[in-house]
Amino acid sequence: MTPMTKLLSGSAVLALATLLGCGGGGGGSATPAPAPPATATSLAYVDPASGTYKLVKNASSSGSHLVLDLVGPSTGTAMGVSITLSTDAARATWVDVPAGGTTAVLMQNGTQFTLGSGTPIQKAKATSGVLQATIAQKDPTAPASLNGSLLRVALDLKSGLGLAQGTAITLSADAVKCQVLTDKASNPTPITVSVGTLTAQ
């Protein structure tokens, strides 16, 4: 092989190596990687489509603070109600109904019950992802209409999780521990509370 042939052969090898190093022969730049999904910063809730007792979104909800009302049926009366709700403690937490509070007001009275003077029959506690709440009128107050908001609770999205928007968060009502007290002489009766769909957005 002559010196000129060697030079041309070496140049061809060099040119090929350069093309391979650039990703091929003139195909242009590589396709950019897709952008990561947007990170959730708030809670979204869709009310249940039907039900006798329903957990519905309150208009005061804002951003990561979700306020929910327990709404009763259009007929019937009661002296009080008790509910047990569960959520995914790794993603959401039960908080005061007034945004930014501690845990002193985990439950508020709705629009139906008259709690009277003195210490009200109103108690709530949260343990991990489980919230228990009870509210009742005192004797001799007449039973109240169930047609409206019976009590109010709230959830916050936990911060710093990096959840993708649309991530589902579990929320359920205990079919045995949700109860209504129709009058002072009766035992509490289990009720079915319909719960909507909760997601991070």
C-alpha atoms as a PDB file:
ATOM      1  CA  MET A   1       0.000   0.000   0.000  1.00  0.00           C
ATOM      2  CA  THR A   2       1.415   3.369  -1.028  1.00  0.00           C
ATOM      3  CA  PRO A   3       1.771   6.221   1.462  1.00  0.00           C
ATOM      4  CA  MET A   4      -1.107   8.053  -0.296  1.00  0.00           C
ATOM      5  CA  THR A   5      -3.351   4.979  -0.040  1.00  0.00           C
ATOM      6  CA  LYS A   6      -2.532   4.633   3.660  1.00  0.00           C
ATOM      7  CA  LEU A   7      -3.330   8.311   4.234  1.00  0.00           C
ATOM      8  CA  LEU A   8      -6.702   8.074   2.452  1.00  0.00           C
ATOM      9  CA  SER A   9      -7.553   4.857   4.297  1.00  0.00           C
ATOM     10  CA  GLY A  10      -6.672   6.451   7.642  1.00  0.00           C
ATOM     11  CA  SER A  11      -8.769   9.518   6.844  1.00  0.00           C
ATOM     12  CA  ALA A  12     -11.783   7.343   6.044  1.00  0.00           C
ATOM     13  CA  VAL A  13     -11.463   5.514   9.379  1.00  0.00           C
ATOM     14  CA  LEU A  14     -11.164   8.846  11.201  1.00  0.00           C
ATOM     15  CA  ALA A  15     -14.233  10.252   9.428  1.00  0.00           C
ATOM     16  CA  LEU A  16     -16.281   7.151  10.258  1.00  0.00           C
ATOM     17  CA  ALA A  17     -15.254   7.306  13.910  1.00  0.00           C
ATOM     18  CA  THR A  18     -16.263  10.974  14.026  1.00  0.00           C
ATOM     19  CA  LEU A  19     -19.696  10.203  12.569  1.00  0.00           C
ATOM     20  CA  LEU A  20     -20.284   7.361  15.025  1.00  0.00           C
ATOM     21  CA  GLY A  21     -19.233   9.568  17.910  1.00  0.00           C
ATOM     22  CA  CYS A  22     -21.809  12.144  16.844  1.00  0.00           C
ATOM     23  CA  GLY A  23     -24.621   9.618  16.764  1.00  0.00           C
ATOM     24  CA  GLY A  24     -24.632   8.621  13.118  1.00  0.00           C
ATOM     25  CA  GLY A  25     -24.542  10.064   9.679  1.00  0.00           C
ATOM     26  CA  GLY A  26     -26.488  13.332   9.784  1.00  0.00           C
ATOM     27  CA  GLY A  27     -29.551  12.223  11.784  1.00  0.00           C
ATOM     28  CA  GLY A  28     -29.594  15.406  13.867  1.00  0.00           C
ATOM     29  CA  SER A  29     -29.743  15.739  17.634  1.00  0.00           C
ATOM     30  CA  ALA A  30     -31.324  13.064  19.831  1.00  0.00           C
ATOM     31  CA  THR A  31     -35.019  13.372  20.834  1.00  0.00           C
ATOM     32  CA  PRO A  32     -35.220  15.139  24.209  1.00  0.00           C
ATOM     33  CA  ALA A  33     -36.521  13.139  27.161  1.00  0.00           C
ATOM     34  CA  PRO A  34     -40.168  13.816  28.089  1.00  0.00           C
ATOM     35  CA  ALA A  35     -40.729  16.294  30.884  1.00  0.00           C
ATOM     36  CA  PRO A  36     -41.485  14.747  34.288  1.00  0.00           C
ATOM     37  CA  PRO A  37     -45.150  14.869  35.412  1.00  0.00           C
ATOM     38  CA  ALA A  38     -46.217  17.975  37.297  1.00  0.00           C
ATOM     39  CA  THR A  39     -45.964  17.744  41.072  1.00  0.00           C
ATOM     40  CA  ALA A  40     -49.217  17.870  43.050  1.00  0.00           C
ATOM     41  CA  THR A  41     -49.714  20.830  45.392  1.00  0.00           C
ATOM     42  CA  SER A  42     -53.419  20.542  46.248  1.00  0.00           C
ATOM     43  CA  LEU A  43     -56.274  18.142  46.961  1.00  0.00           C
ATOM     44  CA  ALA A  44     -59.119  17.535  44.511  1.00  0.00           C
ATOM     45  CA  TYR A  45     -62.381  15.920  45.581  1.00  0.00           C
ATOM     46  CA  VAL A  46     -65.356  14.774  43.528  1.00  0.00           C
ATOM     47  CA  ASP A  47     -68.594  14.420  45.524  1.00  0.00           C
ATOM     48  CA  PRO A  48     -70.332  11.024  45.537  1.00  0.00           C
ATOM     49  CA  ALA A  49     -73.034  10.784  42.879  1.00  0.00           C
ATOM     50  CA  SER A  50     -75.620   9.336  45.257  1.00  0.00           C
ATOM     51  CA  GLY A  51     -76.224   8.225  48.818  1.00  0.00           C
ATOM     52  CA  THR A  52     -78.389   8.841  51.872  1.00  0.00           C
ATOM     53  CA  TYR A  53     -75.561  10.290  53.963  1.00  0.00           C
ATOM     54  CA  LYS A  54     -72.823  11.862  51.850  1.00  0.00           C
ATOM     55  CA  LEU A  55     -69.408  13.415  52.401  1.00  0.00           C
ATOM     56  CA  VAL A  56     -69.342  16.497  50.157  1.00  0.00           C
ATOM     57  CA  LYS A  57     -66.844  19.262  49.470  1.00  0.00           C
ATOM     58  CA  ASN A  58     -67.380  22.529  51.337  1.00  0.00           C
ATOM     59  CA  ALA A  59     -67.014  25.790  49.396  1.00  0.00           C
ATOM     60  CA  SER A  60     -64.382  27.025  51.883  1.00  0.00           C
ATOM     61  CA  SER A  61     -61.880  24.415  50.598  1.00  0.00           C
ATOM     62  CA  SER A  62     -58.732  25.936  49.095  1.00  0.00           C
ATOM     63  CA  GLY A  63     -55.541  24.479  47.644  1.00  0.00           C
ATOM     64  CA  SER A  64     -54.118  21.731  49.836  1.00  0.00           C
ATOM     65  CA  HIS A  65     -56.825  22.286  52.507  1.00  0.00           C
ATOM     66  CA  LEU A  66     -59.974  20.244  51.835  1.00  0.00           C
ATOM     67  CA  VAL A  67     -63.075  20.809  53.983  1.00  0.00           C
ATOM     68  CA  LEU A  68     -65.789  18.143  53.890  1.00  0.00           C
ATOM     69  CA  ASP A  69     -69.388  18.241  55.138  1.00  0.00           C
ATOM     70  CA  LEU A  70     -71.381  15.230  56.247  1.00  0.00           C
ATOM     71  CA  VAL A  71     -74.788  15.864  54.667  1.00  0.00           C
ATOM     72  CA  GLY A  72     -77.868  13.957  55.770  1.00  0.00           C
ATOM     73  CA  PRO A  73     -80.997  12.796  53.927  1.00  0.00           C
ATOM     74  CA  SER A  74     -83.853  15.099  52.967  1.00  0.00           C
ATOM     75  CA  THR A  75     -86.162  13.505  55.530  1.00  0.00           C
ATOM     76  CA  GLY A  76     -85.852  12.360  59.133  1.00  0.00           C
ATOM     77  CA  THR A  77     -84.583  13.815  62.405  1.00  0.00           C
ATOM     78  CA  ALA A  78     -81.845  12.960  64.891  1.00  0.00           C
ATOM     79  CA  MET A  79     -80.239  14.012  68.159  1.00  0.00           C
ATOM     80  CA  GLY A  80     -76.684  13.348  67.036  1.00  0.00           C
ATOM     81  CA  VAL A  81     -74.287  11.573  64.725  1.00  0.00           C
ATOM     82  CA  SER A  82     -70.927   9.831  64.922  1.00  0.00           C
ATOM     83  CA  ILE A  83     -68.520   9.020  62.081  1.00  0.00           C
ATOM     84  CA  THR A  84     -65.212   7.218  61.600  1.00  0.00           C
ATOM     85  CA  LEU A  85     -63.252   8.110  58.467  1.00  0.00           C
ATOM     86  CA  SER A  86     -59.941   6.747  57.169  1.00  0.00           C
ATOM     87  CA  THR A  87     -57.408   8.159  54.725  1.00  0.00           C
ATOM     88  CA  ASP A  88     -53.870   7.338  53.542  1.00  0.00           C
ATOM     89  CA  ALA A  89     -51.763   8.748  56.390  1.00  0.00           C
ATOM     90  CA  ALA A  90     -48.663   8.798  54.180  1.00  0.00           C
ATOM     91  CA  ARG A  91     -50.279  11.284  51.792  1.00  0.00           C
ATOM     92  CA  ALA A  92     -52.894  13.263  53.728  1.00  0.00           C
ATOM     93  CA  THR A  93     -53.592  14.253  57.327  1.00  0.00           C
ATOM     94  CA  TRP A  94     -56.663  15.225  59.348  1.00  0.00           C
ATOM     95  CA  VAL A  95     -56.379  18.846  60.460  1.00  0.00           C
ATOM     96  CA  ASP A  96     -58.384  21.671  61.993  1.00  0.00           C
ATOM     97  CA  VAL A  97     -61.308  22.838  59.911  1.00  0.00           C
ATOM     98  CA  PRO A  98     -60.052  26.448  60.053  1.00  0.00           C
ATOM     99  CA  ALA A  99     -56.978  26.402  57.787  1.00  0.00           C
ATOM    100  CA  GLY A 100     -53.644  26.696  59.576  1.00  0.00           C
ATOM    101  CA  GLY A 101     -54.861  25.528  62.980  1.00  0.00           C
ATOM    102  CA  THR A 102     -53.435  22.845  65.238  1.00  0.00           C
ATOM    103  CA  THR A 103     -55.713  19.942  66.119  1.00  0.00           C
ATOM    104  CA  ALA A 104     -58.098  21.729  68.495  1.00  0.00           C
ATOM    105  CA  VAL A 105     -60.942  21.994  65.963  1.00  0.00           C
ATOM    106  CA  LEU A 106     -60.801  18.690  64.092  1.00  0.00           C
ATOM    107  CA  MET A 107     -64.581  18.850  63.699  1.00  0.00           C
ATOM    108  CA  GLN A 108     -67.090  21.694  63.518  1.00  0.00           C
ATOM    109  CA  ASN A 109     -70.832  21.659  64.005  1.00  0.00           C
ATOM    110  CA  GLY A 110     -72.780  21.884  60.769  1.00  0.00           C
ATOM    111  CA  THR A 111     -76.023  23.753  60.243  1.00  0.00           C
ATOM    112  CA  GLN A 112     -78.549  21.335  61.760  1.00  0.00           C
ATOM    113  CA  PHE A 113     -77.750  20.547  65.390  1.00  0.00           C
ATOM    114  CA  THR A 114     -78.285  22.999  68.259  1.00  0.00           C
ATOM    115  CA  LEU A 115     -75.552  22.344  70.808  1.00  0.00           C
ATOM    116  CA  GLY A 116     -76.947  24.624  73.528  1.00  0.00           C
ATOM    117  CA  SER A 117     -75.049  26.359  76.312  1.00  0.00           C
ATOM    118  CA  GLY A 118     -72.229  25.028  78.438  1.00  0.00           C
ATOM    119  CA  THR A 119     -69.857  22.292  77.301  1.00  0.00           C
ATOM    120  CA  PRO A 120     -71.146  20.885  73.998  1.00  0.00           C
ATOM    121  CA  ILE A 121     -71.355  17.203  73.167  1.00  0.00           C
ATOM    122  CA  GLN A 122     -68.738  17.549  70.447  1.00  0.00           C
ATOM    123  CA  LYS A 123     -65.580  15.474  70.292  1.00  0.00           C
ATOM    124  CA  ALA A 124     -63.077  14.436  67.643  1.00  0.00           C
ATOM    125  CA  LYS A 125     -59.709  12.720  67.605  1.00  0.00           C
ATOM    126  CA  ALA A 126     -57.302  11.655  64.879  1.00  0.00           C
ATOM    127  CA  THR A 127     -54.930   8.713  65.134  1.00  0.00           C
ATOM    128  CA  SER A 128     -52.688   8.354  62.125  1.00  0.00           C
ATOM    129  CA  GLY A 129     -55.114   8.236  59.175  1.00  0.00           C
ATOM    130  CA  VAL A 130     -58.263   7.541  61.212  1.00  0.00           C
ATOM    131  CA  LEU A 131     -60.630  10.301  62.357  1.00  0.00           C
ATOM    132  CA  GLN A 132     -63.423   9.715  64.881  1.00  0.00           C
ATOM    133  CA  ALA A 133     -65.988  12.470  65.426  1.00  0.00           C
ATOM    134  CA  THR A 134     -69.182  12.688  67.479  1.00  0.00           C
ATOM    135  CA  ILE A 135     -71.661  15.527  67.873  1.00  0.00           C
ATOM    136  CA  ALA A 136     -75.046  15.596  69.621  1.00  0.00           C
ATOM    137  CA  GLN A 137     -77.716  17.827  71.052  1.00  0.00           C
ATOM    138  CA  LYS A 138     -78.572  17.906  74.748  1.00  0.00           C
ATOM    139  CA  ASP A 139     -81.922  16.962  76.205  1.00  0.00           C
ATOM    140  CA  PRO A 140     -84.581  18.462  76.104  1.00  0.00           C
ATOM    141  CA  THR A 141     -83.745  19.915  72.686  1.00  0.00           C
ATOM    142  CA  ALA A 142     -86.046  18.444  70.044  1.00  0.00           C
ATOM    143  CA  PRO A 143     -84.459  16.208  67.389  1.00  0.00           C
ATOM    144  CA  ALA A 144     -83.044  18.197  64.481  1.00  0.00           C
ATOM    145  CA  SER A 145     -83.747  17.809  60.785  1.00  0.00           C
ATOM    146  CA  LEU A 146     -81.135  15.740  58.960  1.00  0.00           C
ATOM    147  CA  ASN A 147     -81.625  17.739  55.765  1.00  0.00           C
ATOM    148  CA  GLY A 148     -78.355  19.693  55.743  1.00  0.00           C
ATOM    149  CA  SER A 149     -74.774  19.726  57.021  1.00  0.00           C
ATOM    150  CA  LEU A 150     -74.449  17.660  60.206  1.00  0.00           C
ATOM    151  CA  LEU A 151     -70.738  18.196  60.858  1.00  0.00           C
ATOM    152  CA  ARG A 152     -67.585  19.378  59.123  1.00  0.00           C
ATOM    153  CA  VAL A 153     -64.022  17.944  58.974  1.00  0.00           C
ATOM    154  CA  ALA A 154     -60.851  18.755  57.021  1.00  0.00           C
ATOM    155  CA  LEU A 155     -57.825  17.185  55.326  1.00  0.00           C
ATOM    156  CA  ASP A 156     -54.489  18.611  54.213  1.00  0.00           C
ATOM    157  CA  LEU A 157     -52.177  17.209  51.558  1.00  0.00           C
ATOM    158  CA  LYS A 158     -48.819  16.388  53.139  1.00  0.00           C
ATOM    159  CA  SER A 159     -46.070  18.609  51.752  1.00  0.00           C
ATOM    160  CA  GLY A 160     -42.804  17.580  50.131  1.00  0.00           C
ATOM    161  CA  LEU A 161     -44.010  14.222  48.812  1.00  0.00           C
ATOM    162  CA  GLY A 162     -43.452  14.942  45.121  1.00  0.00           C
ATOM    163  CA  LEU A 163     -46.656  13.145  44.136  1.00  0.00           C
ATOM    164  CA  ALA A 164     -47.671  13.335  40.494  1.00  0.00           C
ATOM    165  CA  GLN A 165     -50.876  15.182  39.734  1.00  0.00           C
ATOM    166  CA  GLY A 166     -53.788  12.751  39.616  1.00  0.00           C
ATOM    167  CA  THR A 167     -52.385  10.416  42.271  1.00  0.00           C
ATOM    168  CA  ALA A 168     -55.300   8.695  44.046  1.00  0.00           C
ATOM    169  CA  ILE A 169     -55.577   9.013  47.831  1.00  0.00           C
ATOM    170  CA  THR A 170     -57.753   6.554  49.711  1.00  0.00           C
ATOM    171  CA  LEU A 171     -60.697   7.895  51.729  1.00  0.00           C
ATOM    172  CA  SER A 172     -63.383   5.700  53.282  1.00  0.00           C
ATOM    173  CA  ALA A 173     -66.100   5.611  55.944  1.00  0.00           C
ATOM    174  CA  ASP A 174     -66.496   2.794  58.478  1.00  0.00           C
ATOM    175  CA  ALA A 175     -69.813   1.050  57.806  1.00  0.00           C
ATOM    176  CA  VAL A 176     -70.175  -0.034  61.453  1.00  0.00           C
ATOM    177  CA  LYS A 177     -68.831   2.971  63.366  1.00  0.00           C
ATOM    178  CA  CYS A 178     -70.754   5.619  61.411  1.00  0.00           C
ATOM    179  CA  GLN A 179     -73.981   5.974  63.385  1.00  0.00           C
ATOM    180  CA  VAL A 180     -76.963   8.241  63.963  1.00  0.00           C
ATOM    181  CA  LEU A 181     -78.864   8.761  67.237  1.00  0.00           C
ATOM    182  CA  THR A 182     -82.473   9.344  66.235  1.00  0.00           C
ATOM    183  CA  ASP A 183     -83.722  10.199  69.735  1.00  0.00           C
ATOM    184  CA  LYS A 184     -82.605  10.040  73.369  1.00  0.00           C
ATOM    185  CA  ALA A 185     -84.432   6.755  74.008  1.00  0.00           C
ATOM    186  CA  SER A 186     -82.950   4.855  71.043  1.00  0.00           C
ATOM    187  CA  ASN A 187     -79.645   3.148  70.523  1.00  0.00           C
ATOM    188  CA  PRO A 188     -77.353   4.540  67.802  1.00  0.00           C
ATOM    189  CA  THR A 189     -78.106   3.084  64.369  1.00  0.00           C
ATOM    190  CA  PRO A 190     -75.367   2.334  61.792  1.00  0.00           C
ATOM    191  CA  ILE A 191     -75.517   4.460  58.651  1.00  0.00           C
ATOM    192  CA  THR A 192     -73.836   4.180  55.273  1.00  0.00           C
ATOM    193  CA  VAL A 193     -71.802   7.265  54.415  1.00  0.00           C
ATOM    194  CA  SER A 194     -71.071   7.658  50.697  1.00  0.00           C
ATOM    195  CA  VAL A 195     -67.586   9.010  50.016  1.00  0.00           C
ATOM    196  CA  GLY A 196     -66.353  10.645  46.810  1.00  0.00           C
ATOM    197  CA  THR A 197     -63.007  10.427  44.988  1.00  0.00           C
ATOM    198  CA  LEU A 198     -59.888  12.076  46.454  1.00  0.00           C
ATOM    199  CA  THR A 199     -56.766  12.821  44.401  1.00  0.00           C
ATOM    200  CA  ALA A 200     -53.627  14.940  44.634  1.00  0.00           C
ATOM    201  CA  GLN A 201     -53.532  17.747  42.026  1.00  0.00           C
END
